[in-house]
Amino acid sequence: MSISAPLPASTDVEAPSIPLRALAPWALLFGLLALLALFFVSADQGAVSIPAGTAIHEWVHDGRHLLGFPCH
């Protein structure tokens, strides 16, 4: 047998609202970071690599295949 407590008469709970002006800089930052990550994982073949050579390509090689990007 279970004992249940009575529900409170009022369950008005308001979620805090975040103004768009406070959220926009964070959305922009994370959007740019996502684009940078997408560049390194998908497009970087060494031709336009920020560090010279294929070091970034080798670091993200398995991730490229996991995401379905062909690289060789």
C-alpha atoms as a PDB file:
ATOM      1  CA  MET A   1       0.000   0.000   0.000  1.00  0.00           C
ATOM      2  CA  SER A   2       1.423   3.355  -0.931  1.00  0.00           C
ATOM      3  CA  ILE A   3       0.786   6.625   0.772  1.00  0.00           C
ATOM      4  CA  SER A   4       0.541   9.622  -1.506  1.00  0.00           C
ATOM      5  CA  ALA A   5       0.786  13.202  -0.445  1.00  0.00           C
ATOM      6  CA  PRO A   6      -1.826  15.663  -1.674  1.00  0.00           C
ATOM      7  CA  LEU A   7      -0.775  17.874  -4.553  1.00  0.00           C
ATOM      8  CA  PRO A   8      -0.342  21.582  -3.862  1.00  0.00           C
ATOM      9  CA  ALA A   9      -3.226  23.771  -4.952  1.00  0.00           C
ATOM     10  CA  SER A  10      -1.114  25.832  -7.345  1.00  0.00           C
ATOM     11  CA  THR A  11       1.755  24.500  -9.460  1.00  0.00           C
ATOM     12  CA  ASP A  12       2.593  27.710 -11.310  1.00  0.00           C
ATOM     13  CA  VAL A  13       6.273  27.518 -12.170  1.00  0.00           C
ATOM     14  CA  GLU A  14       7.737  29.962 -14.618  1.00  0.00           C
ATOM     15  CA  ALA A  15      10.859  29.148 -16.574  1.00  0.00           C
ATOM     16  CA  PRO A  16      13.363  31.988 -16.726  1.00  0.00           C
ATOM     17  CA  SER A  17      13.573  33.653 -20.105  1.00  0.00           C
ATOM     18  CA  ILE A  18      16.934  34.445 -21.664  1.00  0.00           C
ATOM     19  CA  PRO A  19      16.979  37.571 -23.814  1.00  0.00           C
ATOM     20  CA  LEU A  20      18.175  37.057 -27.376  1.00  0.00           C
ATOM     21  CA  ARG A  21      20.850  39.737 -26.988  1.00  0.00           C
ATOM     22  CA  ALA A  22      22.453  37.714 -24.203  1.00  0.00           C
ATOM     23  CA  LEU A  23      22.265  34.483 -26.189  1.00  0.00           C
ATOM     24  CA  ALA A  24      23.460  35.759 -29.586  1.00  0.00           C
ATOM     25  CA  PRO A  25      27.213  36.082 -28.789  1.00  0.00           C
ATOM     26  CA  TRP A  26      27.313  32.533 -27.433  1.00  0.00           C
ATOM     27  CA  ALA A  27      25.431  31.198 -30.448  1.00  0.00           C
ATOM     28  CA  LEU A  28      27.884  32.975 -32.758  1.00  0.00           C
ATOM     29  CA  LEU A  29      30.897  31.614 -30.857  1.00  0.00           C
ATOM     30  CA  PHE A  30      29.688  28.026 -30.910  1.00  0.00           C
ATOM     31  CA  GLY A  31      28.633  28.353 -34.554  1.00  0.00           C
ATOM     32  CA  LEU A  32      32.124  29.505 -35.541  1.00  0.00           C
ATOM     33  CA  LEU A  33      33.715  26.709 -33.512  1.00  0.00           C
ATOM     34  CA  ALA A  34      31.448  24.196 -35.245  1.00  0.00           C
ATOM     35  CA  LEU A  35      32.434  25.537 -38.668  1.00  0.00           C
ATOM     36  CA  LEU A  36      36.116  25.359 -37.740  1.00  0.00           C
ATOM     37  CA  ALA A  37      35.710  21.753 -36.575  1.00  0.00           C
ATOM     38  CA  LEU A  38      33.829  20.883 -39.761  1.00  0.00           C
ATOM     39  CA  PHE A  39      36.651  22.390 -41.833  1.00  0.00           C
ATOM     40  CA  PHE A  40      39.314  20.362 -40.060  1.00  0.00           C
ATOM     41  CA  VAL A  41      37.368  17.111 -40.231  1.00  0.00           C
ATOM     42  CA  SER A  42      35.930  17.363 -43.728  1.00  0.00           C
ATOM     43  CA  ALA A  43      37.864  19.710 -45.999  1.00  0.00           C
ATOM     44  CA  ASP A  44      41.421  19.739 -44.718  1.00  0.00           C
ATOM     45  CA  GLN A  45      43.571  17.670 -47.065  1.00  0.00           C
ATOM     46  CA  GLY A  46      46.807  19.541 -46.473  1.00  0.00           C
ATOM     47  CA  ALA A  47      46.430  21.965 -49.410  1.00  0.00           C
ATOM     48  CA  VAL A  48      44.986  24.793 -47.309  1.00  0.00           C
ATOM     49  CA  SER A  49      46.089  23.476 -43.940  1.00  0.00           C
ATOM     50  CA  ILE A  50      46.828  26.051 -41.269  1.00  0.00           C
ATOM     51  CA  PRO A  51      49.865  24.080 -40.057  1.00  0.00           C
ATOM     52  CA  ALA A  52      51.854  22.853 -43.053  1.00  0.00           C
ATOM     53  CA  GLY A  53      51.689  19.168 -43.849  1.00  0.00           C
ATOM     54  CA  THR A  54      49.128  16.516 -43.131  1.00  0.00           C
ATOM     55  CA  ALA A  55      49.238  16.463 -39.321  1.00  0.00           C
ATOM     56  CA  ILE A  56      45.614  17.602 -38.864  1.00  0.00           C
ATOM     57  CA  HIS A  57      44.482  15.108 -41.496  1.00  0.00           C
ATOM     58  CA  GLU A  58      46.132  12.257 -39.641  1.00  0.00           C
ATOM     59  CA  TRP A  59      44.700  13.347 -36.277  1.00  0.00           C
ATOM     60  CA  VAL A  60      41.120  13.366 -37.559  1.00  0.00           C
ATOM     61  CA  HIS A  61      41.468  10.490 -40.034  1.00  0.00           C
ATOM     62  CA  ASP A  62      39.260   8.008 -38.159  1.00  0.00           C
ATOM     63  CA  GLY A  63      36.690  10.706 -37.416  1.00  0.00           C
ATOM     64  CA  ARG A  64      36.457  11.454 -41.137  1.00  0.00           C
ATOM     65  CA  HIS A  65      35.577   7.845 -41.905  1.00  0.00           C
ATOM     66  CA  LEU A  66      33.158   7.687 -38.965  1.00  0.00           C
ATOM     67  CA  LEU A  67      31.299  10.725 -40.373  1.00  0.00           C
ATOM     68  CA  GLY A  68      31.351   9.321 -43.914  1.00  0.00           C
ATOM     69  CA  PHE A  69      33.921  11.655 -45.495  1.00  0.00           C
ATOM     70  CA  PRO A  70      36.183   9.901 -47.982  1.00  0.00           C
ATOM     71  CA  CYS A  71      39.824  10.869 -47.731  1.00  0.00           C
ATOM     72  CA  HIS A  72      41.748   8.400 -49.898  1.00  0.00           C
END
